[in-house]
C-alpha atoms as a PDB file:
ATOM      1  CA  MET A   1    -118.475 -94.410 207.047  1.00  0.00           C
ATOM      2  CA  SER A   2    -119.906 -96.492 204.229  1.00  0.00           C
ATOM      3  CA  LEU A   3    -119.975 -95.574 200.627  1.00  0.00           C
ATOM      4  CA  GLU A   4    -122.978 -96.557 198.620  1.00  0.00           C
ATOM      5  CA  TRP A   5    -123.423 -96.293 194.959  1.00  0.00           C
ATOM      6  CA  PRO A   6    -126.450 -94.413 193.869  1.00  0.00           C
ATOM      7  CA  SER A   7    -129.148 -96.888 192.971  1.00  0.00           C
ATOM      8  CA  GLN A   8    -130.457 -96.928 189.481  1.00  0.00           C
ATOM      9  CA  LYS A   9    -134.079 -97.419 188.789  1.00  0.00           C
ATOM     10  CA  PRO A  10    -134.867-100.326 186.500  1.00  0.00           C
ATOM     11  CA  PRO A  11    -136.430 -99.201 183.245  1.00  0.00           C
ATOM     12  CA  SER A  12    -140.185 -99.169 183.428  1.00  0.00           C
ATOM     13  CA  ARG A  13    -140.593-100.655 179.946  1.00  0.00           C
ATOM     14  CA  PRO A  14    -138.253-102.535 177.635  1.00  0.00           C
ATOM     15  CA  PRO A  15    -136.256-100.466 175.166  1.00  0.00           C
ATOM     16  CA  GLN A  16    -138.023 -99.859 171.881  1.00  0.00           C
ATOM     17  CA  PRO A  17    -136.391-100.743 168.579  1.00  0.00           C
ATOM     18  CA  PRO A  18    -135.383 -97.810 166.403  1.00  0.00           C
ATOM     19  CA  PRO A  19    -138.029 -96.585 163.976  1.00  0.00           C
ATOM     20  CA  PHE A  20    -138.374 -98.554 160.733  1.00  0.00           C
ATOM     21  CA  ARG A  21    -135.955 -97.467 158.060  1.00  0.00           C
ATOM     22  CA  HIS A  22    -135.637 -98.683 154.527  1.00  0.00           C
ATOM     23  CA  GLN A  23    -133.458-101.732 154.501  1.00  0.00           C
ATOM     24  CA  PRO A  24    -131.692-102.847 151.348  1.00  0.00           C
ATOM     25  CA  PRO A  25    -133.314-105.823 149.656  1.00  0.00           C
ATOM     26  CA  MET A  26    -131.960-109.170 150.642  1.00  0.00           C
ATOM     27  CA  GLU A  27    -129.539-110.640 148.169  1.00  0.00           C
ATOM     28  CA  GLU A  28    -130.666-113.686 146.266  1.00  0.00           C
ATOM     29  CA  PRO A  29    -128.914-116.858 147.328  1.00  0.00           C
ATOM     30  CA  PRO A  30    -126.235-117.930 144.884  1.00  0.00           C
ATOM     31  CA  PRO A  31    -127.351-120.545 142.378  1.00  0.00           C
ATOM     32  CA  PRO A  32    -126.363-124.095 143.233  1.00  0.00           C
ATOM     33  CA  ARG A  33    -122.957-124.977 141.880  1.00  0.00           C
ATOM     34  CA  ALA A  34    -122.685-127.761 139.371  1.00  0.00           C
ATOM     35  CA  LEU A  35    -119.789-129.597 137.806  1.00  0.00           C
ATOM     36  CA  TYR A  36    -119.348-128.840 134.102  1.00  0.00           C
ATOM     37  CA  LYS A  37    -116.712-129.250 131.416  1.00  0.00           C
ATOM     38  CA  ASN A  38    -115.214-125.839 130.705  1.00  0.00           C
ATOM     39  CA  LYS A  39    -114.132-125.978 127.077  1.00  0.00           C
ATOM     40  CA  ASN A  40    -113.179-122.280 127.055  1.00  0.00           C
ATOM     41  CA  THR A  41    -110.197-122.784 129.361  1.00  0.00           C
ATOM     42  CA  GLY A  42    -109.711-126.517 128.866  1.00  0.00           C
ATOM     43  CA  LEU A  43    -106.891-128.132 126.904  1.00  0.00           C
ATOM     44  CA  LEU A  44    -108.297-131.511 125.929  1.00  0.00           C
ATOM     45  CA  THR A  45    -111.937-131.867 126.896  1.00  0.00           C
ATOM     46  CA  GLY A  46    -112.285-129.269 129.649  1.00  0.00           C
ATOM     47  CA  VAL A  47    -112.686-131.747 132.527  1.00  0.00           C
ATOM     48  CA  CYS A  48    -109.774-130.376 134.593  1.00  0.00           C
ATOM     49  CA  ALA A  49    -110.883-126.806 133.929  1.00  0.00           C
ATOM     50  CA  GLY A  50    -114.405-127.678 135.043  1.00  0.00           C
ATOM     51  CA  ILE A  51    -113.146-129.308 138.234  1.00  0.00           C
ATOM     52  CA  ALA A  52    -110.961-126.249 138.896  1.00  0.00           C
ATOM     53  CA  ASP A  53    -113.964-123.942 138.465  1.00  0.00           C
ATOM     54  CA  PHE A  54    -116.039-126.110 140.780  1.00  0.00           C
ATOM     55  CA  VAL A  55    -113.392-126.358 143.508  1.00  0.00           C
ATOM     56  CA  GLY A  56    -112.196-122.775 143.058  1.00  0.00           C
ATOM     57  CA  ILE A  57    -108.495-123.316 142.494  1.00  0.00           C
ATOM     58  CA  HIS A  58    -106.175-122.730 139.541  1.00  0.00           C
ATOM     59  CA  VAL A  59    -106.607-125.164 136.672  1.00  0.00           C
ATOM     60  CA  GLY A  60    -102.838-125.844 136.547  1.00  0.00           C
ATOM     61  CA  ILE A  61    -102.948-127.387 140.010  1.00  0.00           C
ATOM     62  CA  ILE A  62    -105.779-129.719 138.975  1.00  0.00           C
ATOM     63  CA  ARG A  63    -103.822-130.735 135.873  1.00  0.00           C
ATOM     64  CA  LEU A  64    -100.724-131.518 137.963  1.00  0.00           C
ATOM     65  CA  ILE A  65    -102.808-133.568 140.395  1.00  0.00           C
ATOM     66  CA  THR A  66    -104.374-135.439 137.476  1.00  0.00           C
ATOM     67  CA  VAL A  67    -100.984-136.287 135.935  1.00  0.00           C
ATOM     68  CA  PHE A  68     -99.566-137.292 139.326  1.00  0.00           C
ATOM     69  CA  LEU A  69    -102.569-139.513 140.073  1.00  0.00           C
ATOM     70  CA  SER A  70    -102.387-141.092 136.621  1.00  0.00           C
ATOM     71  CA  PHE A  71     -98.924-142.465 137.476  1.00  0.00           C
ATOM     72  CA  LEU A  72    -100.102-143.789 140.846  1.00  0.00           C
ATOM     73  CA  LEU A  73    -103.549-144.992 139.779  1.00  0.00           C
ATOM     74  CA  PRO A  74    -104.008-145.890 136.113  1.00  0.00           C
ATOM     75  CA  LEU A  75    -107.746-145.833 136.783  1.00  0.00           C
ATOM     76  CA  THR A  76    -107.459-142.014 136.692  1.00  0.00           C
ATOM     77  CA  TRP A  77    -107.500-142.039 132.876  1.00  0.00           C
ATOM     78  CA  LEU A  78    -110.662-144.140 132.820  1.00  0.00           C
ATOM     79  CA  ILE A  79    -112.333-141.741 135.248  1.00  0.00           C
ATOM     80  CA  TYR A  80    -111.184-138.802 133.104  1.00  0.00           C
ATOM     81  CA  VAL A  81    -112.646-140.338 129.925  1.00  0.00           C
ATOM     82  CA  VAL A  82    -115.933-141.184 131.652  1.00  0.00           C
ATOM     83  CA  MET A  83    -116.186-137.615 132.980  1.00  0.00           C
ATOM     84  CA  ALA A  84    -115.402-136.261 129.513  1.00  0.00           C
ATOM     85  CA  PHE A  85    -118.436-138.082 128.152  1.00  0.00           C
ATOM     86  CA  LEU A  86    -120.826-137.589 131.064  1.00  0.00           C
ATOM     87  CA  LEU A  87    -120.216-134.005 132.170  1.00  0.00           C
ATOM     88  CA  PRO A  88    -122.292-131.360 130.388  1.00  0.00           C
ATOM     89  CA  VAL A  89    -120.571-128.383 128.792  1.00  0.00           C
ATOM     90  CA  LYS A  90    -120.572-125.248 130.927  1.00  0.00           C
ATOM     91  CA  PRO A  91    -123.248-122.848 129.655  1.00  0.00           C
ATOM     92  CA  LEU A  92    -122.151-119.378 128.687  1.00  0.00           C
ATOM     93  CA  PRO A  93    -123.066-116.684 131.185  1.00  0.00           C
ATOM     94  CA  VAL A  94    -125.931-114.446 130.162  1.00  0.00           C
ATOM     95  CA  GLN A  95    -125.467-110.826 131.067  1.00  0.00           C
ATOM     96  CA  ARG A  96    -128.717-108.958 131.365  1.00  0.00           C
ATOM     97  CA  THR A  97    -127.866-105.476 132.511  1.00  0.00           C
ATOM     98  CA  GLY A  98    -129.512-102.417 131.052  1.00  0.00           C
ATOM     99  CA  ILE A  99    -126.364-101.459 129.151  1.00  0.00           C
ATOM    100  CA  HIS A 100    -126.025-104.878 127.525  1.00  0.00           C
ATOM    101  CA  LEU A 101    -129.694-104.988 126.609  1.00  0.00           C
ATOM    102  CA  ARG A 102    -129.457-101.512 125.080  1.00  0.00           C
ATOM    103  CA  GLN A 103    -126.426-102.601 123.031  1.00  0.00           C
ATOM    104  CA  GLU A 104    -128.214-105.745 121.864  1.00  0.00           C
ATOM    105  CA  LEU A 105    -131.306-103.755 120.902  1.00  0.00           C
ATOM    106  CA  ASP A 106    -129.158-101.240 119.005  1.00  0.00           C
ATOM    107  CA  GLN A 107    -127.459-104.076 117.102  1.00  0.00           C
ATOM    108  CA  ILE A 108    -130.794-105.662 116.249  1.00  0.00           C
ATOM    109  CA  GLN A 109    -132.149-102.295 115.124  1.00  0.00           C
ATOM    110  CA  ALA A 110    -129.098-101.780 112.881  1.00  0.00           C
ATOM    111  CA  GLN A 111    -129.536-105.253 111.340  1.00  0.00           C
ATOM    112  CA  LEU A 112    -133.232-104.632 110.721  1.00  0.00           C
ATOM    113  CA  SER A 113    -132.506-101.247 109.114  1.00  0.00           C
ATOM    114  CA  LYS A 114    -129.890-102.827 106.849  1.00  0.00           C
ATOM    115  CA  SER A 115    -132.305-105.619 105.860  1.00  0.00           C
ATOM    116  CA  GLU A 116    -135.063-103.091 105.217  1.00  0.00           C
ATOM    117  CA  ARG A 117    -132.785-101.056 102.916  1.00  0.00           C
ATOM    118  CA  LYS A 118    -131.889-104.209 100.964  1.00  0.00           C
ATOM    119  CA  LEU A 119    -135.552-105.135 100.653  1.00  0.00           C
ATOM    120  CA  LEU A 120    -136.486-101.646  99.450  1.00  0.00           C
ATOM    121  CA  ASN A 121    -133.686-101.763  96.863  1.00  0.00           C
ATOM    122  CA  MET A 122    -134.917-105.158  95.606  1.00  0.00           C
ATOM    123  CA  GLU A 123    -138.482-103.912  95.424  1.00  0.00           C
ATOM    124  CA  ALA A 124    -137.403-100.810  93.515  1.00  0.00           C
ATOM    125  CA  TYR A 125    -135.474-102.970  91.022  1.00  0.00           C
ATOM    126  CA  ILE A 126    -138.264-105.519  90.548  1.00  0.00           C
ATOM    127  CA  THR A 127    -140.866-102.835  89.909  1.00  0.00           C
ATOM    128  CA  SER A 128    -138.589-100.881  87.554  1.00  0.00           C
ATOM    129  CA  ASP A 129    -138.828-100.774  83.774  1.00  0.00           C
ATOM    130  CA  GLU A 130    -135.249-102.085  83.536  1.00  0.00           C
ATOM    131  CA  PHE A 131    -136.223-105.327  85.292  1.00  0.00           C
ATOM    132  CA  GLU A 132    -139.247-105.794  83.037  1.00  0.00           C
ATOM    133  CA  PHE A 133    -137.118-105.157  79.943  1.00  0.00           C
ATOM    134  CA  GLN A 134    -134.471-107.663  81.117  1.00  0.00           C
ATOM    135  CA  ARG A 135    -137.177-110.242  81.891  1.00  0.00           C
ATOM    136  CA  LYS A 136    -138.619-109.979  78.355  1.00  0.00           C
ATOM    137  CA  ILE A 137    -135.137-110.378  76.836  1.00  0.00           C
ATOM    138  CA  ASP A 138    -134.565-113.520  78.931  1.00  0.00           C
ATOM    139  CA  GLU A 139    -137.929-114.937  77.769  1.00  0.00           C
ATOM    140  CA  LEU A 140    -136.992-114.363  74.130  1.00  0.00           C
ATOM    141  CA  LYS A 141    -133.632-116.111  74.671  1.00  0.00           C
ATOM    142  CA  GLN A 142    -135.379-119.127  76.175  1.00  0.00           C
ATOM    143  CA  GLN A 143    -137.771-119.409  73.231  1.00  0.00           C
ATOM    144  CA  ARG A 144    -134.981-119.889  70.744  1.00  0.00           C
END
């Protein structure tokens, strides 16, 4: 007595992919990293803070390594000074979300309204009889 497994028929056509569904947009690749001086978190010139940002470790560790290397290799201080002069300052991040733009526009609108009120007050004073009277008095004083 032999046991045989039931044979399976091979599929007549290859399996079809699932129907197209909306896929989320691909994320933009991160911007290339650059080495900057970070004066916001730096103590002297921001070189160690910039290196820490670039490498991705705590700035205190970079400072300890710098001090340790300066005792072993006095050239470390020369490299530090050269980097302090050559590295550009880290640019401030620009946040452009709808909320931040709305806040900025509201602030600009408030400043423009304040300036407009000041301008209207100046115009009202300059076109007033009081201003004209004061101007004539000043002219008479200058003629003396």
